[in-house]
Amino acid sequence: MTAPPIPASCAHRPIVGGLAAPFVNIRLRDGGVDFRTPHQGTYERCWQENLCQTCGNPLGHLSVLFGGPNQVASRAFDEPPLCPPCAVYASQACPMVAGRQERYADRQRVSEGRRGHVCPDAGCDCGGFVAADPNAADASGDPAHPWYALYVQTGGWQLTGNRVRVACSDRGCLHDRTLINGCMLGVEPRKVMLVSSPGEGRVWRRLDAVEVAAIRSAEEVEG
């Protein structure tokens, strides 16, 4: 696939493999990026400071939350918000969100291999790359699901978190810490887009209220 045009919002971001390196993802020492893994400190900044996870710029009055049917039904989201231009870009650039993959990748993450290691910088806020939600199910190898983009009022959510034990990057000592792991949406979305569907690829179609209600009802029945 040809890389999609990089939006003006990402003009300042490093380019890796023809793609704008997302603000939220782990940057490696060799200049590469782990596109599958967020940097915990940056992940939390996106939520706390209302920053776009892709370009890192402050969000305007309208933000976009990506998620699957479960997220639409439960209103619980773990992907940090995006600005609208970056949401359109991510819907084209990310192979999972764009519906180009039949399953979630099950190979080792780049930051877990030889190119990634425990950060030696005592002042770094990476948290040792500890998962924000250690109790979350691992989606590796799972079948792809439809993706949706919810356009919502920025800050119209309540942050959620998990209490975990985190090792210091310099001495390895353990500390209890609450890590942000997402949000609960407290407002109705302004609009909901079907981003992609398994077997169909990228759709980018606005759903009406009946279709959104049907998603929520189907997930409640399955749950």
N, C-alpha and C. Protein backbone atom coordinates (compact mmCIF):
# COMPACT_ATOMS: atom_id res chain seq x y z
N MET A 1 0.84 -1.20 0.00
CA MET A 1 0.00 0.00 0.00
C MET A 1 0.88 1.25 0.00
N THR A 2 0.47 2.26 -0.77
CA THR A 2 1.16 3.54 -0.76
C THR A 2 0.79 4.30 0.50
N ALA A 3 1.80 4.87 1.16
CA ALA A 3 1.54 5.61 2.40
C ALA A 3 0.62 6.79 2.12
N PRO A 4 -0.38 7.02 2.98
CA PRO A 4 -1.30 8.14 2.76
C PRO A 4 -0.60 9.48 2.98
N PRO A 5 -1.13 10.55 2.41
CA PRO A 5 -0.52 11.88 2.62
C PRO A 5 -0.51 12.23 4.10
N ILE A 6 0.59 12.80 4.54
CA ILE A 6 0.71 13.20 5.94
C ILE A 6 0.01 14.54 6.14
N PRO A 7 -0.90 14.64 7.09
CA PRO A 7 -1.65 15.89 7.28
C PRO A 7 -0.77 16.99 7.86
N ALA A 8 -1.20 18.22 7.69
CA ALA A 8 -0.44 19.36 8.20
C ALA A 8 -0.25 19.28 9.70
N SER A 9 -1.19 18.67 10.41
CA SER A 9 -1.08 18.55 11.86
C SER A 9 0.15 17.74 12.27
N CYS A 10 0.64 16.87 11.37
CA CYS A 10 1.79 16.00 11.66
C CYS A 10 3.06 16.44 10.94
N ALA A 11 3.07 17.64 10.40
CA ALA A 11 4.22 18.10 9.62
C ALA A 11 5.50 18.12 10.44
N HIS A 12 5.39 18.27 11.75
CA HIS A 12 6.57 18.35 12.62
C HIS A 12 7.01 16.98 13.14
N ARG A 13 6.24 15.93 12.86
CA ARG A 13 6.56 14.62 13.42
C ARG A 13 7.64 13.93 12.58
N PRO A 14 8.49 13.09 13.22
CA PRO A 14 9.48 12.31 12.46
C PRO A 14 8.77 11.35 11.52
N ILE A 15 9.38 11.06 10.39
CA ILE A 15 8.82 10.13 9.41
C ILE A 15 9.59 8.81 9.49
N VAL A 16 8.87 7.73 9.69
CA VAL A 16 9.47 6.39 9.78
C VAL A 16 8.74 5.48 8.80
N GLY A 17 9.45 4.98 7.80
CA GLY A 17 8.81 4.11 6.82
C GLY A 17 7.70 4.77 6.05
N GLY A 18 7.82 6.09 5.84
CA GLY A 18 6.81 6.81 5.09
C GLY A 18 5.61 7.25 5.91
N LEU A 19 5.62 6.94 7.21
CA LEU A 19 4.50 7.28 8.08
C LEU A 19 4.96 8.25 9.17
N ALA A 20 4.05 9.12 9.57
CA ALA A 20 4.35 10.03 10.68
C ALA A 20 4.40 9.21 11.96
N ALA A 21 5.49 9.33 12.70
CA ALA A 21 5.63 8.60 13.96
C ALA A 21 4.66 9.19 14.98
N PRO A 22 3.70 8.39 15.49
CA PRO A 22 2.73 8.93 16.45
C PRO A 22 3.41 9.42 17.73
N PHE A 23 2.93 10.51 18.23
CA PHE A 23 3.44 11.11 19.46
C PHE A 23 3.42 10.12 20.62
N VAL A 24 2.40 9.28 20.68
CA VAL A 24 2.19 8.41 21.85
C VAL A 24 3.06 7.16 21.85
N ASN A 25 3.60 6.77 20.71
CA ASN A 25 4.30 5.49 20.63
C ASN A 25 5.76 5.56 21.09
N ILE A 26 6.28 4.40 21.49
CA ILE A 26 7.65 4.30 21.98
C ILE A 26 8.63 4.58 20.84
N ARG A 27 9.54 5.52 21.09
CA ARG A 27 10.64 5.79 20.17
C ARG A 27 11.85 4.99 20.61
N LEU A 28 12.50 4.31 19.69
CA LEU A 28 13.66 3.49 20.01
C LEU A 28 14.95 4.26 19.84
N ARG A 29 16.01 3.77 20.47
CA ARG A 29 17.29 4.46 20.42
C ARG A 29 17.82 4.58 19.00
N ASP A 30 17.49 3.59 18.15
CA ASP A 30 18.02 3.61 16.78
C ASP A 30 17.19 4.46 15.83
N GLY A 31 16.22 5.21 16.36
CA GLY A 31 15.39 6.08 15.54
C GLY A 31 14.09 5.46 15.08
N GLY A 32 13.92 4.15 15.34
CA GLY A 32 12.69 3.47 14.95
C GLY A 32 11.55 3.75 15.92
N VAL A 33 10.42 3.17 15.63
CA VAL A 33 9.22 3.35 16.44
C VAL A 33 8.53 2.01 16.64
N ASP A 34 8.05 1.76 17.84
CA ASP A 34 7.20 0.60 18.09
C ASP A 34 5.76 1.08 17.87
N PHE A 35 5.24 0.87 16.66
CA PHE A 35 3.90 1.36 16.33
C PHE A 35 2.80 0.65 17.10
N ARG A 36 3.12 -0.47 17.77
CA ARG A 36 2.10 -1.22 18.49
C ARG A 36 2.07 -0.91 19.98
N THR A 37 3.03 -0.12 20.48
CA THR A 37 3.14 0.06 21.92
C THR A 37 3.26 1.53 22.29
N PRO A 38 2.38 2.02 23.17
CA PRO A 38 2.49 3.41 23.62
C PRO A 38 3.55 3.56 24.71
N HIS A 39 4.15 4.74 24.77
CA HIS A 39 5.04 5.12 25.86
C HIS A 39 4.13 5.55 27.01
N GLN A 40 4.24 4.88 28.16
CA GLN A 40 3.26 5.09 29.23
C GLN A 40 3.16 6.53 29.68
N GLY A 41 4.31 7.20 29.86
CA GLY A 41 4.27 8.60 30.30
C GLY A 41 3.57 9.49 29.30
N THR A 42 3.84 9.27 28.00
CA THR A 42 3.21 10.07 26.96
C THR A 42 1.73 9.74 26.84
N TYR A 43 1.41 8.46 26.99
CA TYR A 43 0.01 8.00 26.98
C TYR A 43 -0.78 8.76 28.04
N GLU A 44 -0.22 8.86 29.25
CA GLU A 44 -0.92 9.56 30.32
C GLU A 44 -1.02 11.06 30.04
N ARG A 45 0.03 11.64 29.46
CA ARG A 45 -0.02 13.06 29.11
C ARG A 45 -1.15 13.35 28.12
N CYS A 46 -1.33 12.47 27.14
CA CYS A 46 -2.40 12.67 26.15
C CYS A 46 -3.75 12.79 26.85
N TRP A 47 -4.00 11.92 27.83
CA TRP A 47 -5.27 11.95 28.55
C TRP A 47 -5.36 13.15 29.49
N GLN A 48 -4.30 13.40 30.24
CA GLN A 48 -4.35 14.45 31.26
C GLN A 48 -4.33 15.86 30.68
N GLU A 49 -3.60 16.03 29.57
CA GLU A 49 -3.44 17.37 29.00
C GLU A 49 -4.25 17.59 27.73
N ASN A 50 -5.09 16.61 27.36
CA ASN A 50 -5.91 16.70 26.15
C ASN A 50 -5.04 16.97 24.92
N LEU A 51 -4.10 16.03 24.69
CA LEU A 51 -3.22 16.10 23.52
C LEU A 51 -3.59 15.00 22.54
N CYS A 52 -3.44 15.28 21.25
CA CYS A 52 -3.70 14.28 20.23
C CYS A 52 -2.61 13.21 20.30
N GLN A 53 -3.02 11.95 20.29
CA GLN A 53 -2.05 10.86 20.40
C GLN A 53 -1.16 10.74 19.17
N THR A 54 -1.55 11.30 18.05
CA THR A 54 -0.77 11.17 16.82
C THR A 54 0.17 12.35 16.61
N CYS A 55 -0.36 13.57 16.64
CA CYS A 55 0.49 14.75 16.39
C CYS A 55 1.04 15.36 17.66
N GLY A 56 0.39 15.10 18.81
CA GLY A 56 0.84 15.66 20.08
C GLY A 56 0.39 17.08 20.32
N ASN A 57 -0.36 17.67 19.39
CA ASN A 57 -0.85 19.04 19.56
C ASN A 57 -2.05 19.07 20.50
N PRO A 58 -2.31 20.21 21.15
CA PRO A 58 -3.50 20.34 21.98
C PRO A 58 -4.77 20.12 21.14
N LEU A 59 -5.72 19.44 21.72
CA LEU A 59 -6.98 19.18 21.02
C LEU A 59 -7.85 20.43 21.03
N GLY A 60 -8.66 20.57 20.00
CA GLY A 60 -9.64 21.65 19.96
C GLY A 60 -10.87 21.24 20.74
N HIS A 61 -12.00 21.84 20.41
CA HIS A 61 -13.23 21.52 21.14
C HIS A 61 -13.77 20.15 20.78
N LEU A 62 -13.30 19.58 19.67
CA LEU A 62 -13.81 18.29 19.21
C LEU A 62 -12.66 17.28 19.12
N SER A 63 -12.88 16.10 19.69
CA SER A 63 -11.89 15.03 19.67
C SER A 63 -12.50 13.78 19.06
N VAL A 64 -11.64 12.84 18.71
CA VAL A 64 -12.09 11.58 18.13
C VAL A 64 -11.55 10.43 18.97
N LEU A 65 -12.43 9.50 19.33
CA LEU A 65 -12.05 8.29 20.05
C LEU A 65 -12.27 7.09 19.14
N PHE A 66 -11.23 6.26 19.01
CA PHE A 66 -11.33 5.04 18.22
C PHE A 66 -11.65 3.86 19.13
N GLY A 67 -12.43 2.93 18.62
CA GLY A 67 -12.72 1.73 19.39
C GLY A 67 -13.52 0.73 18.59
N GLY A 68 -13.71 -0.43 19.19
CA GLY A 68 -14.52 -1.48 18.57
C GLY A 68 -15.93 -1.50 19.13
N PRO A 69 -16.71 -2.50 18.79
CA PRO A 69 -18.09 -2.58 19.28
C PRO A 69 -18.19 -2.56 20.81
N ASN A 70 -17.24 -3.22 21.49
CA ASN A 70 -17.27 -3.23 22.96
C ASN A 70 -17.16 -1.83 23.52
N GLN A 71 -16.27 -1.02 22.92
CA GLN A 71 -16.08 0.33 23.41
C GLN A 71 -17.31 1.21 23.15
N VAL A 72 -17.90 1.03 21.98
CA VAL A 72 -19.10 1.81 21.65
C VAL A 72 -20.22 1.50 22.65
N ALA A 73 -20.34 0.22 23.01
CA ALA A 73 -21.41 -0.19 23.92
C ALA A 73 -21.13 0.21 25.37
N SER A 74 -19.89 0.00 25.82
CA SER A 74 -19.56 0.23 27.22
C SER A 74 -19.17 1.68 27.51
N ARG A 75 -18.83 2.43 26.45
CA ARG A 75 -18.34 3.81 26.57
C ARG A 75 -16.99 3.88 27.27
N ALA A 76 -16.29 2.75 27.38
CA ALA A 76 -14.96 2.71 27.98
C ALA A 76 -13.92 2.61 26.87
N PHE A 77 -13.01 3.57 26.80
CA PHE A 77 -12.03 3.64 25.73
C PHE A 77 -10.62 3.64 26.31
N ASP A 78 -9.71 2.92 25.63
CA ASP A 78 -8.32 2.93 26.07
C ASP A 78 -7.41 3.69 25.10
N GLU A 79 -7.81 3.84 23.86
CA GLU A 79 -7.02 4.61 22.90
C GLU A 79 -7.15 6.09 23.22
N PRO A 80 -6.02 6.81 23.44
CA PRO A 80 -6.11 8.25 23.70
C PRO A 80 -6.78 8.98 22.53
N PRO A 81 -7.32 10.16 22.78
CA PRO A 81 -8.04 10.91 21.75
C PRO A 81 -7.13 11.39 20.62
N LEU A 82 -7.74 11.70 19.49
CA LEU A 82 -7.05 12.27 18.34
C LEU A 82 -7.77 13.54 17.90
N CYS A 83 -7.05 14.43 17.23
CA CYS A 83 -7.70 15.56 16.58
C CYS A 83 -8.33 15.03 15.29
N PRO A 84 -9.38 15.68 14.76
CA PRO A 84 -10.05 15.17 13.56
C PRO A 84 -9.13 14.91 12.37
N PRO A 85 -8.20 15.81 12.00
CA PRO A 85 -7.33 15.51 10.86
C PRO A 85 -6.48 14.26 11.07
N CYS A 86 -5.97 14.08 12.29
CA CYS A 86 -5.16 12.90 12.57
C CYS A 86 -6.00 11.63 12.60
N ALA A 87 -7.27 11.76 12.98
CA ALA A 87 -8.15 10.59 12.99
C ALA A 87 -8.34 10.06 11.57
N VAL A 88 -8.55 10.97 10.63
CA VAL A 88 -8.69 10.55 9.23
C VAL A 88 -7.39 9.91 8.75
N TYR A 89 -6.26 10.52 9.11
CA TYR A 89 -4.96 9.98 8.71
C TYR A 89 -4.74 8.59 9.32
N ALA A 90 -5.01 8.43 10.61
CA ALA A 90 -4.82 7.14 11.27
C ALA A 90 -5.72 6.06 10.68
N SER A 91 -6.92 6.47 10.24
CA SER A 91 -7.85 5.50 9.65
C SER A 91 -7.33 4.96 8.32
N GLN A 92 -6.37 5.65 7.73
CA GLN A 92 -5.76 5.20 6.49
C GLN A 92 -4.39 4.55 6.72
N ALA A 93 -3.64 5.09 7.69
CA ALA A 93 -2.26 4.65 7.89
C ALA A 93 -2.13 3.39 8.73
N CYS A 94 -2.97 3.24 9.75
CA CYS A 94 -2.88 2.08 10.63
C CYS A 94 -3.53 0.87 9.97
N PRO A 95 -2.78 -0.20 9.71
CA PRO A 95 -3.36 -1.35 9.00
C PRO A 95 -4.49 -2.03 9.76
N MET A 96 -4.43 -1.98 11.10
CA MET A 96 -5.49 -2.61 11.89
C MET A 96 -6.77 -1.80 11.81
N VAL A 97 -6.66 -0.50 12.07
CA VAL A 97 -7.84 0.38 12.06
C VAL A 97 -8.43 0.49 10.66
N ALA A 98 -7.57 0.44 9.64
CA ALA A 98 -8.03 0.55 8.26
C ALA A 98 -8.63 -0.74 7.72
N GLY A 99 -8.60 -1.80 8.53
CA GLY A 99 -9.22 -3.05 8.12
C GLY A 99 -8.42 -3.86 7.12
N ARG A 100 -7.09 -3.66 7.10
CA ARG A 100 -6.24 -4.41 6.18
C ARG A 100 -5.68 -5.68 6.79
N GLN A 101 -5.94 -5.92 8.07
CA GLN A 101 -5.47 -7.12 8.74
C GLN A 101 -6.65 -7.95 9.22
N GLU A 102 -6.56 -9.26 9.01
CA GLU A 102 -7.63 -10.15 9.44
C GLU A 102 -7.55 -10.46 10.93
N ARG A 103 -6.33 -10.33 11.50
CA ARG A 103 -6.13 -10.62 12.91
C ARG A 103 -5.15 -9.63 13.52
N TYR A 104 -5.22 -9.51 14.84
CA TYR A 104 -4.21 -8.73 15.54
C TYR A 104 -2.87 -9.44 15.42
N ALA A 105 -1.80 -8.68 15.30
CA ALA A 105 -0.47 -9.27 15.20
C ALA A 105 -0.16 -10.07 16.47
N ASP A 106 0.49 -11.22 16.30
CA ASP A 106 0.86 -12.02 17.47
C ASP A 106 2.38 -12.19 17.59
N ARG A 107 3.12 -11.47 16.78
CA ARG A 107 4.58 -11.51 16.90
C ARG A 107 5.04 -10.62 18.05
N GLN A 108 6.28 -10.78 18.44
CA GLN A 108 6.85 -9.98 19.52
C GLN A 108 6.85 -8.51 19.14
N ARG A 109 6.55 -7.66 20.10
CA ARG A 109 6.59 -6.23 19.87
C ARG A 109 8.05 -5.78 19.73
N VAL A 110 8.27 -4.77 18.89
CA VAL A 110 9.63 -4.30 18.64
C VAL A 110 10.33 -3.91 19.94
N SER A 111 9.63 -3.21 20.84
CA SER A 111 10.24 -2.75 22.08
C SER A 111 10.53 -3.88 23.04
N GLU A 112 10.00 -5.08 22.79
CA GLU A 112 10.26 -6.23 23.65
C GLU A 112 11.49 -7.02 23.18
N GLY A 113 11.97 -6.71 21.98
CA GLY A 113 13.12 -7.42 21.42
C GLY A 113 14.42 -6.71 21.71
N ARG A 114 15.44 -7.03 20.92
CA ARG A 114 16.78 -6.49 21.17
C ARG A 114 16.84 -4.98 20.94
N ARG A 115 15.92 -4.43 20.16
CA ARG A 115 15.95 -2.98 19.90
C ARG A 115 15.33 -2.18 21.04
N GLY A 116 14.66 -2.86 21.93
CA GLY A 116 14.06 -2.18 23.07
C GLY A 116 14.63 -2.75 24.37
N HIS A 117 14.79 -1.93 25.36
CA HIS A 117 15.33 -2.39 26.63
C HIS A 117 14.90 -1.41 27.72
N VAL A 118 15.17 -1.79 28.99
CA VAL A 118 14.80 -0.92 30.10
C VAL A 118 15.54 0.40 29.97
N CYS A 119 14.83 1.47 30.11
CA CYS A 119 15.41 2.80 29.94
C CYS A 119 16.40 3.09 31.07
N PRO A 120 17.63 3.50 30.74
CA PRO A 120 18.62 3.78 31.78
C PRO A 120 18.53 5.21 32.33
N ASP A 121 17.64 6.01 31.77
CA ASP A 121 17.51 7.40 32.17
C ASP A 121 16.66 7.50 33.43
N ALA A 122 17.30 7.90 34.55
CA ALA A 122 16.58 7.96 35.82
C ALA A 122 15.46 8.99 35.80
N GLY A 123 15.55 9.98 34.92
CA GLY A 123 14.53 11.01 34.86
C GLY A 123 13.43 10.74 33.87
N CYS A 124 13.48 9.59 33.19
CA CYS A 124 12.48 9.28 32.17
C CYS A 124 11.17 8.87 32.83
N ASP A 125 10.06 9.22 32.18
CA ASP A 125 8.74 8.89 32.74
C ASP A 125 8.12 7.67 32.06
N CYS A 126 8.96 6.82 31.49
CA CYS A 126 8.41 5.66 30.76
C CYS A 126 7.79 4.64 31.69
N GLY A 127 8.14 4.68 33.00
CA GLY A 127 7.57 3.71 33.92
C GLY A 127 8.07 2.31 33.65
N GLY A 128 9.21 2.18 32.99
CA GLY A 128 9.72 0.86 32.66
C GLY A 128 8.88 0.17 31.60
N PHE A 129 8.09 0.96 30.84
CA PHE A 129 7.21 0.42 29.81
C PHE A 129 6.22 -0.59 30.39
N VAL A 130 5.74 -0.30 31.60
CA VAL A 130 4.75 -1.16 32.24
C VAL A 130 3.39 -0.94 31.61
N ALA A 131 2.67 -2.03 31.36
CA ALA A 131 1.34 -1.90 30.76
C ALA A 131 0.42 -1.13 31.70
N ALA A 132 -0.41 -0.25 31.13
CA ALA A 132 -1.32 0.54 31.94
C ALA A 132 -2.39 -0.31 32.59
N ASP A 133 -2.73 -1.41 31.96
CA ASP A 133 -3.77 -2.28 32.50
C ASP A 133 -3.28 -3.73 32.42
N PRO A 134 -2.54 -4.20 33.44
CA PRO A 134 -1.99 -5.56 33.40
C PRO A 134 -3.06 -6.65 33.41
N ASN A 135 -4.29 -6.28 33.75
CA ASN A 135 -5.38 -7.27 33.77
C ASN A 135 -6.13 -7.36 32.44
N ALA A 136 -5.77 -6.48 31.51
CA ALA A 136 -6.46 -6.47 30.22
C ALA A 136 -6.11 -7.72 29.42
N ALA A 137 -7.08 -8.24 28.71
CA ALA A 137 -6.85 -9.42 27.88
C ALA A 137 -5.93 -9.09 26.73
N ASP A 138 -5.03 -10.00 26.40
CA ASP A 138 -4.11 -9.80 25.28
C ASP A 138 -4.84 -10.14 23.99
N ALA A 139 -4.90 -9.17 23.07
CA ALA A 139 -5.63 -9.38 21.82
C ALA A 139 -4.78 -10.04 20.75
N SER A 140 -3.51 -10.35 21.04
CA SER A 140 -2.61 -10.92 20.04
C SER A 140 -3.23 -12.15 19.38
N GLY A 141 -3.31 -12.11 18.04
CA GLY A 141 -3.85 -13.24 17.29
C GLY A 141 -5.36 -13.27 17.19
N ASP A 142 -6.05 -12.39 17.90
CA ASP A 142 -7.52 -12.38 17.85
C ASP A 142 -8.01 -11.89 16.49
N PRO A 143 -9.19 -12.34 16.07
CA PRO A 143 -9.75 -11.85 14.81
C PRO A 143 -10.00 -10.35 14.86
N ALA A 144 -9.90 -9.71 13.72
CA ALA A 144 -10.17 -8.28 13.64
C ALA A 144 -11.66 -8.02 13.88
N HIS A 145 -11.96 -6.84 14.35
CA HIS A 145 -13.35 -6.43 14.58
C HIS A 145 -13.59 -5.10 13.86
N PRO A 146 -14.83 -4.70 13.71
CA PRO A 146 -15.09 -3.38 13.12
C PRO A 146 -14.49 -2.29 14.01
N TRP A 147 -14.07 -1.20 13.38
CA TRP A 147 -13.56 -0.05 14.11
C TRP A 147 -14.48 1.14 13.89
N TYR A 148 -14.66 1.92 14.96
CA TYR A 148 -15.53 3.09 14.91
C TYR A 148 -14.77 4.32 15.39
N ALA A 149 -15.16 5.46 14.89
CA ALA A 149 -14.61 6.74 15.32
C ALA A 149 -15.74 7.58 15.90
N LEU A 150 -15.63 7.93 17.16
CA LEU A 150 -16.65 8.73 17.83
C LEU A 150 -16.14 10.17 17.97
N TYR A 151 -16.84 11.11 17.38
CA TYR A 151 -16.50 12.53 17.50
C TYR A 151 -17.21 13.07 18.74
N VAL A 152 -16.41 13.51 19.71
CA VAL A 152 -16.98 13.90 20.99
C VAL A 152 -16.41 15.23 21.45
N GLN A 153 -17.09 15.85 22.40
CA GLN A 153 -16.58 17.07 23.02
C GLN A 153 -15.32 16.75 23.79
N THR A 154 -14.26 17.50 23.55
CA THR A 154 -13.00 17.27 24.25
C THR A 154 -13.18 17.41 25.76
N GLY A 155 -12.71 16.40 26.49
CA GLY A 155 -12.83 16.40 27.93
C GLY A 155 -14.16 15.87 28.43
N GLY A 156 -15.01 15.43 27.52
CA GLY A 156 -16.31 14.90 27.92
C GLY A 156 -16.21 13.46 28.41
N TRP A 157 -15.21 13.20 29.25
CA TRP A 157 -14.96 11.84 29.73
C TRP A 157 -14.37 11.89 31.13
N GLN A 158 -14.42 10.75 31.81
CA GLN A 158 -13.83 10.59 33.13
C GLN A 158 -12.67 9.62 32.99
N LEU A 159 -11.47 10.05 33.40
CA LEU A 159 -10.31 9.17 33.29
C LEU A 159 -10.41 7.99 34.23
N THR A 160 -9.90 6.84 33.80
CA THR A 160 -9.88 5.63 34.61
C THR A 160 -8.43 5.20 34.80
N GLY A 161 -8.19 4.37 35.81
CA GLY A 161 -6.81 3.96 36.08
C GLY A 161 -6.73 2.63 36.80
N ASN A 162 -5.50 2.13 36.91
CA ASN A 162 -5.20 0.88 37.61
C ASN A 162 -4.05 1.10 38.57
N ARG A 163 -4.13 0.47 39.74
CA ARG A 163 -3.04 0.52 40.71
C ARG A 163 -2.08 -0.62 40.39
N VAL A 164 -0.84 -0.29 40.07
CA VAL A 164 0.14 -1.30 39.69
C VAL A 164 1.46 -1.03 40.41
N ARG A 165 2.35 -2.03 40.41
CA ARG A 165 3.70 -1.87 40.97
C ARG A 165 4.65 -1.60 39.82
N VAL A 166 5.38 -0.49 39.93
CA VAL A 166 6.27 -0.05 38.86
C VAL A 166 7.70 0.02 39.38
N ALA A 167 8.65 -0.47 38.57
CA ALA A 167 10.06 -0.41 38.96
C ALA A 167 10.68 0.89 38.49
N CYS A 168 11.53 1.49 39.34
CA CYS A 168 12.29 2.67 38.94
C CYS A 168 13.22 2.29 37.80
N SER A 169 13.46 3.22 36.88
CA SER A 169 14.33 2.92 35.75
C SER A 169 15.80 2.91 36.14
N ASP A 170 16.15 3.57 37.28
CA ASP A 170 17.57 3.64 37.65
C ASP A 170 18.00 2.56 38.63
N ARG A 171 17.16 2.26 39.63
CA ARG A 171 17.58 1.30 40.65
C ARG A 171 16.72 0.04 40.70
N GLY A 172 15.62 0.03 39.99
CA GLY A 172 14.80 -1.17 39.95
C GLY A 172 13.90 -1.37 41.14
N CYS A 173 13.89 -0.43 42.09
CA CYS A 173 13.02 -0.58 43.25
C CYS A 173 11.56 -0.39 42.83
N LEU A 174 10.66 -1.03 43.56
CA LEU A 174 9.24 -1.05 43.18
C LEU A 174 8.43 -0.02 43.96
N HIS A 175 7.48 0.58 43.27
CA HIS A 175 6.59 1.55 43.89
C HIS A 175 5.16 1.30 43.40
N ASP A 176 4.18 1.49 44.29
CA ASP A 176 2.79 1.43 43.88
C ASP A 176 2.43 2.74 43.20
N ARG A 177 1.75 2.62 42.07
CA ARG A 177 1.40 3.81 41.31
C ARG A 177 0.09 3.59 40.58
N THR A 178 -0.71 4.63 40.47
CA THR A 178 -1.94 4.55 39.68
C THR A 178 -1.62 5.00 38.26
N LEU A 179 -1.82 4.11 37.30
CA LEU A 179 -1.57 4.44 35.90
C LEU A 179 -2.90 4.62 35.18
N ILE A 180 -3.02 5.70 34.44
CA ILE A 180 -4.22 5.93 33.63
C ILE A 180 -4.31 4.86 32.56
N ASN A 181 -5.49 4.30 32.38
CA ASN A 181 -5.66 3.27 31.35
C ASN A 181 -6.80 3.58 30.39
N GLY A 182 -7.31 4.82 30.41
CA GLY A 182 -8.36 5.17 29.46
C GLY A 182 -9.39 6.09 30.07
N CYS A 183 -10.62 5.99 29.56
CA CYS A 183 -11.68 6.88 30.04
C CYS A 183 -13.03 6.22 29.92
N MET A 184 -13.98 6.79 30.64
CA MET A 184 -15.39 6.48 30.47
C MET A 184 -16.03 7.71 29.86
N LEU A 185 -16.65 7.54 28.73
CA LEU A 185 -17.26 8.65 28.02
C LEU A 185 -18.55 9.07 28.74
N GLY A 186 -18.65 10.36 29.02
CA GLY A 186 -19.80 10.86 29.77
C GLY A 186 -20.76 11.69 28.96
N VAL A 187 -20.48 11.86 27.68
CA VAL A 187 -21.35 12.65 26.81
C VAL A 187 -21.71 11.83 25.58
N GLU A 188 -22.79 12.23 24.95
CA GLU A 188 -23.17 11.58 23.71
C GLU A 188 -22.26 12.06 22.57
N PRO A 189 -21.81 11.16 21.70
CA PRO A 189 -20.97 11.59 20.58
C PRO A 189 -21.74 12.48 19.62
N ARG A 190 -21.01 13.42 19.02
CA ARG A 190 -21.64 14.28 18.01
C ARG A 190 -21.97 13.47 16.75
N LYS A 191 -21.07 12.54 16.42
CA LYS A 191 -21.32 11.62 15.31
C LYS A 191 -20.46 10.38 15.50
N VAL A 192 -20.89 9.29 14.88
CA VAL A 192 -20.15 8.02 14.94
C VAL A 192 -19.90 7.55 13.51
N MET A 193 -18.63 7.28 13.20
CA MET A 193 -18.25 6.80 11.88
C MET A 193 -17.88 5.33 11.96
N LEU A 194 -18.35 4.53 11.00
CA LEU A 194 -17.82 3.18 10.83
C LEU A 194 -16.53 3.34 10.03
N VAL A 195 -15.40 3.07 10.68
CA VAL A 195 -14.10 3.28 10.04
C VAL A 195 -13.79 2.14 9.09
N SER A 196 -13.92 0.91 9.60
CA SER A 196 -13.59 -0.26 8.78
C SER A 196 -14.38 -1.46 9.27
N SER A 197 -14.45 -2.45 8.41
CA SER A 197 -15.18 -3.67 8.73
C SER A 197 -14.39 -4.86 8.19
N PRO A 198 -14.26 -5.95 8.97
CA PRO A 198 -13.50 -7.12 8.50
C PRO A 198 -14.03 -7.62 7.16
N GLY A 199 -13.14 -7.86 6.24
CA GLY A 199 -13.52 -8.35 4.92
C GLY A 199 -13.91 -7.26 3.95
N GLU A 200 -14.14 -6.07 4.47
CA GLU A 200 -14.57 -4.95 3.62
C GLU A 200 -13.50 -3.86 3.56
N GLY A 201 -12.67 -3.77 4.60
CA GLY A 201 -11.64 -2.74 4.64
C GLY A 201 -12.19 -1.42 5.12
N ARG A 202 -11.50 -0.35 4.76
CA ARG A 202 -11.88 0.98 5.21
C ARG A 202 -13.20 1.41 4.56
N VAL A 203 -14.12 1.85 5.40
CA VAL A 203 -15.45 2.24 4.96
C VAL A 203 -15.64 3.75 5.11
N TRP A 204 -15.38 4.25 6.32
CA TRP A 204 -15.54 5.66 6.68
C TRP A 204 -16.93 6.18 6.30
N ARG A 205 -17.91 5.61 6.97
CA ARG A 205 -19.31 5.98 6.73
C ARG A 205 -19.97 6.39 8.04
N ARG A 206 -20.71 7.48 7.98
CA ARG A 206 -21.40 7.95 9.19
C ARG A 206 -22.59 7.05 9.48
N LEU A 207 -22.74 6.68 10.75
CA LEU A 207 -23.85 5.84 11.18
C LEU A 207 -24.97 6.71 11.74
N ASP A 208 -26.19 6.25 11.52
CA ASP A 208 -27.31 6.98 12.11
C ASP A 208 -27.58 6.45 13.51
N ALA A 209 -28.50 7.08 14.23
CA ALA A 209 -28.77 6.73 15.63
C ALA A 209 -29.25 5.30 15.78
N VAL A 210 -30.02 4.83 14.81
CA VAL A 210 -30.53 3.45 14.87
C VAL A 210 -29.38 2.45 14.78
N GLU A 211 -28.43 2.72 13.90
CA GLU A 211 -27.29 1.81 13.74
C GLU A 211 -26.41 1.80 15.00
N VAL A 212 -26.23 2.95 15.61
CA VAL A 212 -25.43 3.01 16.84
C VAL A 212 -26.13 2.26 17.96
N ALA A 213 -27.44 2.44 18.07
CA ALA A 213 -28.21 1.73 19.09
C ALA A 213 -28.14 0.22 18.88
N ALA A 214 -28.13 -0.21 17.63
CA ALA A 214 -28.06 -1.64 17.33
C ALA A 214 -26.73 -2.24 17.79
N ILE A 215 -25.63 -1.48 17.63
CA ILE A 215 -24.33 -1.95 18.09
C ILE A 215 -24.35 -2.14 19.60
N ARG A 216 -24.89 -1.17 20.30
CA ARG A 216 -24.94 -1.24 21.77
C ARG A 216 -25.82 -2.41 22.22
N SER A 217 -26.93 -2.60 21.57
CA SER A 217 -27.85 -3.68 21.95
C SER A 217 -27.22 -5.05 21.71
N ALA A 218 -26.54 -5.19 20.57
CA ALA A 218 -25.90 -6.47 20.23
C ALA A 218 -24.82 -6.82 21.24
N GLU A 219 -24.02 -5.82 21.68
CA GLU A 219 -22.96 -6.09 22.64
C GLU A 219 -23.53 -6.40 24.02
N GLU A 220 -24.65 -5.75 24.37
CA GLU A 220 -25.27 -6.04 25.67
C GLU A 220 -25.80 -7.47 25.69
N VAL A 221 -26.35 -7.95 24.57
CA VAL A 221 -26.87 -9.32 24.50
C VAL A 221 -25.72 -10.32 24.62
N GLU A 222 -24.60 -10.06 23.91
CA GLU A 222 -23.46 -10.96 23.95
C GLU A 222 -22.78 -10.95 25.32
N GLY A 223 -22.81 -9.76 25.95
CA GLY A 223 -22.19 -9.64 27.28
C GLY A 223 -22.99 -10.34 28.35
